[in-house]
PDB file of N, CA and C in Angstrom:
ATOM      1  N   UNK A   1      44.735   9.270  35.709  1.00  0.00           N
ATOM      2  CA  UNK A   1      45.504  10.096  36.439  1.00  0.00           C
ATOM      3  C   UNK A   1      45.922   9.309  37.685  1.00  0.00           C
ATOM      4  N   UNK A   2      47.061   9.979  38.000  1.00  0.00           N
ATOM      5  CA  UNK A   2      47.623   9.261  39.378  1.00  0.00           C
ATOM      6  C   UNK A   2      47.981  10.241  40.524  1.00  0.00           C
ATOM      7  N   UNK A   3      47.540   9.234  41.828  1.00  0.00           N
ATOM      8  CA  UNK A   3      47.653  10.357  42.952  1.00  0.00           C
ATOM      9  C   UNK A   3      48.737   9.374  43.870  1.00  0.00           C
ATOM     10  N   UNK A   4      49.747  10.407  44.269  1.00  0.00           N
ATOM     11  CA  UNK A   4      50.907   9.802  45.059  1.00  0.00           C
ATOM     12  C   UNK A   4      50.577  10.428  46.706  1.00  0.00           C
ATOM     13  N   UNK A   5      50.794   9.705  47.433  1.00  0.00           N
ATOM     14  CA  UNK A   5      50.695  10.119  48.799  1.00  0.00           C
ATOM     15  C   UNK A   5      52.122  10.253  49.367  1.00  0.00           C
ATOM     16  N   UNK A   6      52.455  11.274  49.493  1.00  0.00           N
ATOM     17  CA  UNK A   6      53.871  11.729  50.340  1.00  0.00           C
ATOM     18  C   UNK A   6      53.930  11.557  51.667  1.00  0.00           C
ATOM     19  N   UNK A   7      54.893  11.036  52.538  1.00  0.00           N
ATOM     20  CA  UNK A   7      55.269  11.297  54.022  1.00  0.00           C
ATOM     21  C   UNK A   7      53.842  10.115  54.690  1.00  0.00           C
ATOM     22  N   UNK A   8      53.853   9.109  53.970  1.00  0.00           N
ATOM     23  CA  UNK A   8      52.927   8.131  54.228  1.00  0.00           C
ATOM     24  C   UNK A   8      53.713   7.230  55.910  1.00  0.00           C
ATOM     25  N   UNK A   9      55.119   7.385  55.602  1.00  0.00           N
ATOM     26  CA  UNK A   9      55.983   6.835  56.570  1.00  0.00           C
ATOM     27  C   UNK A   9      56.181   7.749  57.998  1.00  0.00           C
ATOM     28  N   UNK A  10      55.399   8.509  57.802  1.00  0.00           N
ATOM     29  CA  UNK A  10      55.432   9.354  59.254  1.00  0.00           C
ATOM     30  C   UNK A  10      54.139   8.886  59.955  1.00  0.00           C
ATOM     31  N   UNK A  11      53.031   8.107  59.373  1.00  0.00           N
ATOM     32  CA  UNK A  11      51.888   7.884  59.936  1.00  0.00           C
ATOM     33  C   UNK A  11      51.841   6.435  60.498  1.00  0.00           C
ATOM     34  N   UNK A  12      50.724   6.349  61.402  1.00  0.00           N
ATOM     35  CA  UNK A  12      50.473   4.628  61.905  1.00  0.00           C
ATOM     36  C   UNK A  12      49.832   3.819  61.003  1.00  0.00           C
ATOM     37  N   UNK A  13      50.002   2.723  61.038  1.00  0.00           N
ATOM     38  CA  UNK A  13      49.289   2.087  59.967  1.00  0.00           C
ATOM     39  C   UNK A  13      47.781   2.273  59.717  1.00  0.00           C
ATOM     40  N   UNK A  14      46.896   2.659  61.008  1.00  0.00           N
ATOM     41  CA  UNK A  14      45.367   2.805  60.959  1.00  0.00           C
ATOM     42  C   UNK A  14      45.296   4.265  60.054  1.00  0.00           C
ATOM     43  N   UNK A  15      46.432   5.000  60.574  1.00  0.00           N
ATOM     44  CA  UNK A  15      46.241   6.608  59.612  1.00  0.00           C
ATOM     45  C   UNK A  15      46.433   6.680  58.246  1.00  0.00           C
ATOM     46  N   UNK A  16      47.577   5.339  58.047  1.00  0.00           N
ATOM     47  CA  UNK A  16      47.754   5.067  56.543  1.00  0.00           C
ATOM     48  C   UNK A  16      46.428   4.631  55.938  1.00  0.00           C
ATOM     49  N   UNK A  17      45.633   3.786  56.573  1.00  0.00           N
ATOM     50  CA  UNK A  17      44.338   3.087  56.035  1.00  0.00           C
ATOM     51  C   UNK A  17      43.297   3.951  55.687  1.00  0.00           C
ATOM     52  N   UNK A  18      43.113   5.030  56.895  1.00  0.00           N
ATOM     53  CA  UNK A  18      42.360   6.145  56.777  1.00  0.00           C
ATOM     54  C   UNK A  18      42.331   7.151  55.433  1.00  0.00           C
ATOM     55  N   UNK A  19      43.877   7.573  55.353  1.00  0.00           N
ATOM     56  CA  UNK A  19      44.402   8.439  54.353  1.00  0.00           C
ATOM     57  C   UNK A  19      43.869   7.942  53.002  1.00  0.00           C
ATOM     58  N   UNK A  20      44.172   6.859  52.721  1.00  0.00           N
ATOM     59  CA  UNK A  20      44.536   6.125  51.716  1.00  0.00           C
ATOM     60  C   UNK A  20      42.927   6.037  51.347  1.00  0.00           C
ATOM     61  N   UNK A  21      42.191   5.707  52.115  1.00  0.00           N
ATOM     62  CA  UNK A  21      40.600   5.584  51.837  1.00  0.00           C
ATOM     63  C   UNK A  21      39.908   6.946  51.381  1.00  0.00           C
ATOM     64  N   UNK A  22      40.194   7.822  52.456  1.00  0.00           N
ATOM     65  CA  UNK A  22      39.719   9.274  52.085  1.00  0.00           C
ATOM     66  C   UNK A  22      40.246   9.750  50.905  1.00  0.00           C
ATOM     67  N   UNK A  23      41.764   9.627  50.250  1.00  0.00           N
ATOM     68  CA  UNK A  23      42.196  10.203  49.096  1.00  0.00           C
ATOM     69  C   UNK A  23      41.825   9.550  48.083  1.00  0.00           C
ATOM     70  N   UNK A  24      41.213   8.479  47.961  1.00  0.00           N
ATOM     71  CA  UNK A  24      40.616   7.490  47.385  1.00  0.00           C
ATOM     72  C   UNK A  24      38.933   8.131  47.045  1.00  0.00           C
ATOM     73  N   UNK A  25      38.702   8.914  47.531  1.00  0.00           N
ATOM     74  CA  UNK A  25      37.313   9.235  47.385  1.00  0.00           C
ATOM     75  C   UNK A  25      36.237   8.792  48.283  1.00  0.00           C
ATOM     76  N   UNK A  26      36.689   8.135  49.116  1.00  0.00           N
ATOM     77  CA  UNK A  26      35.562   7.381  50.060  1.00  0.00           C
ATOM     78  C   UNK A  26      34.833   8.274  51.100  1.00  0.00           C
ATOM     79  N   UNK A  27      33.839   8.136  51.665  1.00  0.00           N
ATOM     80  CA  UNK A  27      33.312   9.629  52.623  1.00  0.00           C
ATOM     81  C   UNK A  27      33.871   8.549  53.952  1.00  0.00           C
ATOM     82  N   UNK A  28      33.747   9.602  55.031  1.00  0.00           N
ATOM     83  CA  UNK A  28      33.788   9.374  56.488  1.00  0.00           C
ATOM     84  C   UNK A  28      32.912   7.922  56.612  1.00  0.00           C
ATOM     85  N   UNK A  29      31.710   7.944  56.359  1.00  0.00           N
ATOM     86  CA  UNK A  29      31.095   7.002  57.106  1.00  0.00           C
ATOM     87  C   UNK A  29      31.469   5.707  56.450  1.00  0.00           C
ATOM     88  N   UNK A  30      31.736   5.560  54.902  1.00  0.00           N
ATOM     89  CA  UNK A  30      32.086   4.684  54.287  1.00  0.00           C
ATOM     90  C   UNK A  30      33.286   4.080  55.048  1.00  0.00           C
ATOM     91  N   UNK A  31      34.363   4.569  54.992  1.00  0.00           N
ATOM     92  CA  UNK A  31      35.546   4.579  55.999  1.00  0.00           C
ATOM     93  C   UNK A  31      35.501   4.019  57.015  1.00  0.00           C
ATOM     94  N   UNK A  32      34.524   4.417  58.159  1.00  0.00           N
ATOM     95  CA  UNK A  32      34.199   4.004  59.173  1.00  0.00           C
ATOM     96  C   UNK A  32      33.732   2.676  59.120  1.00  0.00           C
ATOM     97  N   UNK A  33      32.848   2.252  58.232  1.00  0.00           N
ATOM     98  CA  UNK A  33      32.388   0.822  58.125  1.00  0.00           C
ATOM     99  C   UNK A  33      33.569  -0.171  57.684  1.00  0.00           C
ATOM    100  N   UNK A  34      34.364   0.292  56.662  1.00  0.00           N
ATOM    101  CA  UNK A  34      35.319  -0.578  56.364  1.00  0.00           C
ATOM    102  C   UNK A  34      36.273  -0.661  57.056  1.00  0.00           C
ATOM    103  N   UNK A  35      36.660   0.215  58.187  1.00  0.00           N
ATOM    104  CA  UNK A  35      37.873  -0.222  59.171  1.00  0.00           C
ATOM    105  C   UNK A  35      37.056  -0.596  60.469  1.00  0.00           C
ATOM    106  N   UNK A  36      35.755  -0.586  60.734  1.00  0.00           N
ATOM    107  CA  UNK A  36      34.838  -1.368  61.881  1.00  0.00           C
ATOM    108  C   UNK A  36      35.251  -0.145  63.020  1.00  0.00           C
ATOM    109  N   UNK A  37      35.323   1.215  62.463  1.00  0.00           N
ATOM    110  CA  UNK A  37      35.587   2.063  63.808  1.00  0.00           C
ATOM    111  C   UNK A  37      34.325   3.262  63.623  1.00  0.00           C
ATOM    112  N   UNK A  38      34.183   4.114  64.465  1.00  0.00           N
ATOM    113  CA  UNK A  38      33.414   5.005  64.531  1.00  0.00           C
ATOM    114  C   UNK A  38      33.829   6.169  63.462  1.00  0.00           C
ATOM    115  N   UNK A  39      32.537   7.102  63.387  1.00  0.00           N
ATOM    116  CA  UNK A  39      32.813   8.146  62.117  1.00  0.00           C
ATOM    117  C   UNK A  39      34.157   9.390  62.913  1.00  0.00           C
ATOM    118  N   UNK A  40      33.995   9.302  64.595  1.00  0.00           N
ATOM    119  CA  UNK A  40      34.724  10.359  65.136  1.00  0.00           C
ATOM    120  C   UNK A  40      35.872   9.683  65.110  1.00  0.00           C
ATOM    121  N   UNK A  41      36.169   8.214  65.545  1.00  0.00           N
ATOM    122  CA  UNK A  41      37.588   7.812  65.506  1.00  0.00           C
ATOM    123  C   UNK A  41      38.328   7.777  64.201  1.00  0.00           C
ATOM    124  N   UNK A  42      37.896   7.848  63.093  1.00  0.00           N
ATOM    125  CA  UNK A  42      38.215   8.279  61.658  1.00  0.00           C
ATOM    126  C   UNK A  42      38.578   9.342  61.539  1.00  0.00           C
ATOM    127  N   UNK A  43      37.509  10.443  61.895  1.00  0.00           N
ATOM    128  CA  UNK A  43      37.968  11.769  61.790  1.00  0.00           C
ATOM    129  C   UNK A  43      38.942  12.052  62.806  1.00  0.00           C
ATOM    130  N   UNK A  44      39.315  11.543  63.943  1.00  0.00           N
ATOM    131  CA  UNK A  44      40.583  11.616  64.687  1.00  0.00           C
ATOM    132  C   UNK A  44      41.874  11.448  63.959  1.00  0.00           C
ATOM    133  N   UNK A  45      41.290   9.727  63.491  1.00  0.00           N
ATOM    134  CA  UNK A  45      42.983   9.310  62.488  1.00  0.00           C
ATOM    135  C   UNK A  45      43.290  10.408  61.702  1.00  0.00           C
ATOM    136  N   UNK A  46      42.403  11.137  60.722  1.00  0.00           N
ATOM    137  CA  UNK A  46      42.630  11.649  59.543  1.00  0.00           C
ATOM    138  C   UNK A  46      43.142  12.990  59.999  1.00  0.00           C
ATOM    139  N   UNK A  47      42.602  13.650  61.384  1.00  0.00           N
ATOM    140  CA  UNK A  47      43.266  14.946  61.706  1.00  0.00           C
ATOM    141  C   UNK A  47      44.746  14.672  62.201  1.00  0.00           C
ATOM    142  N   UNK A  48      45.131  13.412  62.624  1.00  0.00           N
ATOM    143  CA  UNK A  48      46.561  13.396  63.419  1.00  0.00           C
ATOM    144  C   UNK A  48      47.628  12.873  62.121  1.00  0.00           C
ATOM    145  N   UNK A  49      46.887  12.289  60.953  1.00  0.00           N
ATOM    146  CA  UNK A  49      47.556  12.363  60.157  1.00  0.00           C
ATOM    147  C   UNK A  49      48.022  13.770  59.208  1.00  0.00           C
ATOM    148  N   UNK A  50      47.360  14.332  59.289  1.00  0.00           N
ATOM    149  CA  UNK A  50      47.281  15.640  58.630  1.00  0.00           C
ATOM    150  C   UNK A  50      48.285  16.793  59.584  1.00  0.00           C
ATOM    151  N   UNK A  51      47.990  16.355  60.836  1.00  0.00           N
ATOM    152  CA  UNK A  51      49.107  17.056  61.739  1.00  0.00           C
ATOM    153  C   UNK A  51      50.834  16.735  61.500  1.00  0.00           C
ATOM    154  N   UNK A  52      50.640  15.416  60.912  1.00  0.00           N
ATOM    155  CA  UNK A  52      51.797  14.796  60.487  1.00  0.00           C
ATOM    156  C   UNK A  52      52.409  15.204  59.395  1.00  0.00           C
ATOM    157  N   UNK A  53      51.499  16.006  58.791  1.00  0.00           N
ATOM    158  CA  UNK A  53      51.991  16.797  57.327  1.00  0.00           C
ATOM    159  C   UNK A  53      52.270  16.064  56.118  1.00  0.00           C
ATOM    160  N   UNK A  54      51.421  14.614  55.736  1.00  0.00           N
ATOM    161  CA  UNK A  54      51.434  13.975  54.312  1.00  0.00           C
ATOM    162  C   UNK A  54      51.015  14.776  53.545  1.00  0.00           C
ATOM    163  N   UNK A  55      51.338  15.033  52.299  1.00  0.00           N
ATOM    164  CA  UNK A  55      51.090  15.381  51.051  1.00  0.00           C
ATOM    165  C   UNK A  55      50.612  14.440  50.018  1.00  0.00           C
ATOM    166  N   UNK A  56      49.613  15.160  49.039  1.00  0.00           N
ATOM    167  CA  UNK A  56      48.930  14.272  48.016  1.00  0.00           C
ATOM    168  C   UNK A  56      49.622  15.336  46.951  1.00  0.00           C
ATOM    169  N   UNK A  57      50.104  14.665  46.043  1.00  0.00           N
ATOM    170  CA  UNK A  57      50.413  14.841  44.481  1.00  0.00           C
ATOM    171  C   UNK A  57      50.011  14.310  43.631  1.00  0.00           C
ATOM    172  N   UNK A  58      49.329  14.829  42.765  1.00  0.00           N
ATOM    173  CA  UNK A  58      48.340  14.485  41.635  1.00  0.00           C
ATOM    174  C   UNK A  58      49.349  14.692  40.203  1.00  0.00           C
ATOM    175  N   UNK A  59      49.371  13.670  39.748  1.00  0.00           N
ATOM    176  CA  UNK A  59      50.223  13.277  38.318  1.00  0.00           C
ATOM    177  C   UNK A  59      49.221  13.031  37.577  1.00  0.00           C
ATOM    178  N   UNK A  60      48.913  13.812  36.503  1.00  0.00           N
ATOM    179  CA  UNK A  60      47.841  14.082  35.346  1.00  0.00           C
ATOM    180  C   UNK A  60      48.799  13.863  34.008  1.00  0.00           C
ATOM    181  N   UNK A  61      48.942  12.725  33.241  1.00  0.00           N
ATOM    182  CA  UNK A  61      49.389  13.062  31.950  1.00  0.00           C
ATOM    183  C   UNK A  61      49.199  14.176  31.131  1.00  0.00           C
ATOM    184  N   UNK A  62      49.959  14.751  30.494  1.00  0.00           N
ATOM    185  CA  UNK A  62      49.105  15.941  29.428  1.00  0.00           C
ATOM    186  C   UNK A  62      48.496  15.706  28.828  1.00  0.00           C
ATOM    187  N   UNK A  63      48.268  14.346  28.194  1.00  0.00           N
ATOM    188  CA  UNK A  63      47.149  14.140  27.229  1.00  0.00           C
ATOM    189  C   UNK A  63      46.096  14.246  27.817  1.00  0.00           C
ATOM    190  N   UNK A  64      45.634  13.833  29.134  1.00  0.00           N
ATOM    191  CA  UNK A  64      44.251  14.110  29.745  1.00  0.00           C
ATOM    192  C   UNK A  64      43.918  15.551  29.829  1.00  0.00           C
ATOM    193  N   UNK A  65      44.912  16.238  29.849  1.00  0.00           N
ATOM    194  CA  UNK A  65      44.401  17.913  29.741  1.00  0.00           C
ATOM    195  C   UNK A  65      44.336  18.388  28.156  1.00  0.00           C
ATOM    196  N   UNK A  66      44.567  17.673  26.984  1.00  0.00           N
ATOM    197  CA  UNK A  66      44.368  18.067  25.983  1.00  0.00           C
ATOM    198  C   UNK A  66      45.828  18.950  25.451  1.00  0.00           C
ATOM    199  N   UNK A  67      46.902  18.557  26.324  1.00  0.00           N
ATOM    200  CA  UNK A  67      48.185  19.472  26.497  1.00  0.00           C
ATOM    201  C   UNK A  67      49.234  18.400  25.755  1.00  0.00           C
ATOM    202  N   UNK A  68      48.918  17.149  25.107  1.00  0.00           N
ATOM    203  CA  UNK A  68      49.970  16.293  24.918  1.00  0.00           C
ATOM    204  C   UNK A  68      50.135  16.239  23.363  1.00  0.00           C
ATOM    205  N   UNK A  69      50.548  15.243  22.737  1.00  0.00           N
ATOM    206  CA  UNK A  69      50.474  15.273  21.161  1.00  0.00           C
ATOM    207  C   UNK A  69      51.940  15.889  20.972  1.00  0.00           C
ATOM    208  N   UNK A  70      51.805  15.776  19.278  1.00  0.00           N
ATOM    209  CA  UNK A  70      53.081  16.387  18.613  1.00  0.00           C
ATOM    210  C   UNK A  70      53.014  18.074  18.145  1.00  0.00           C
ATOM    211  N   UNK A  71      51.646  18.415  18.531  1.00  0.00           N
ATOM    212  CA  UNK A  71      51.297  19.846  17.976  1.00  0.00           C
ATOM    213  C   UNK A  71      51.921  20.701  19.566  1.00  0.00           C
ATOM    214  N   UNK A  72      51.879  19.999  20.618  1.00  0.00           N
ATOM    215  CA  UNK A  72      52.162  20.741  21.946  1.00  0.00           C
ATOM    216  C   UNK A  72      53.454  20.638  22.193  1.00  0.00           C
ATOM    217  N   UNK A  73      53.963  19.410  21.636  1.00  0.00           N
ATOM    218  CA  UNK A  73      55.771  19.224  21.603  1.00  0.00           C
ATOM    219  C   UNK A  73      56.365  20.342  21.086  1.00  0.00           C
ATOM    220  N   UNK A  74      55.735  20.507  19.836  1.00  0.00           N
ATOM    221  CA  UNK A  74      56.296  21.468  19.064  1.00  0.00           C
ATOM    222  C   UNK A  74      56.058  22.987  19.359  1.00  0.00           C
ATOM    223  N   UNK A  75      54.963  23.466  19.692  1.00  0.00           N
ATOM    224  CA  UNK A  75      54.575  24.575  20.059  1.00  0.00           C
ATOM    225  C   UNK A  75      55.792  24.778  21.517  1.00  0.00           C
ATOM    226  N   UNK A  76      56.254  23.784  22.332  1.00  0.00           N
ATOM    227  CA  UNK A  76      57.003  24.102  23.354  1.00  0.00           C
ATOM    228  C   UNK A  76      58.617  24.477  22.612  1.00  0.00           C
ATOM    229  N   UNK A  77      58.878  23.268  21.751  1.00  0.00           N
ATOM    230  CA  UNK A  77      60.109  23.533  21.373  1.00  0.00           C
ATOM    231  C   UNK A  77      60.329  24.871  20.479  1.00  0.00           C
ATOM    232  N   UNK A  78      59.557  25.173  20.055  1.00  0.00           N
ATOM    233  CA  UNK A  78      59.580  26.331  19.014  1.00  0.00           C
ATOM    234  C   UNK A  78      59.579  27.741  20.051  1.00  0.00           C
ATOM    235  N   UNK A  79      59.055  27.797  21.401  1.00  0.00           N
ATOM    236  CA  UNK A  79      59.066  29.036  22.187  1.00  0.00           C
ATOM    237  C   UNK A  79      60.341  29.027  22.868  1.00  0.00           C
ATOM    238  N   UNK A  80      61.367  28.021  22.832  1.00  0.00           N
ATOM    239  CA  UNK A  80      62.733  27.869  23.557  1.00  0.00           C
ATOM    240  C   UNK A  80      63.685  28.566  22.814  1.00  0.00           C
TER     241      UNK A  80
END
């Protein structure tokens, strides 16, 4: 699975750091420790970033969902 974050160019450097860590599954406390900030400062960065409208796009290869392979491709082409 691949995660793409769109709209990062709208964010400040610190907002980008916080967003990337958050979207990588890190907790608020972990992000705060890593960035050497308080949890409230991290929450503020994340809120500001959300208000600027970044979006997450999750790209999941069809094979990971059990939808890949030749059988699936054949089914799709027979439906056309």
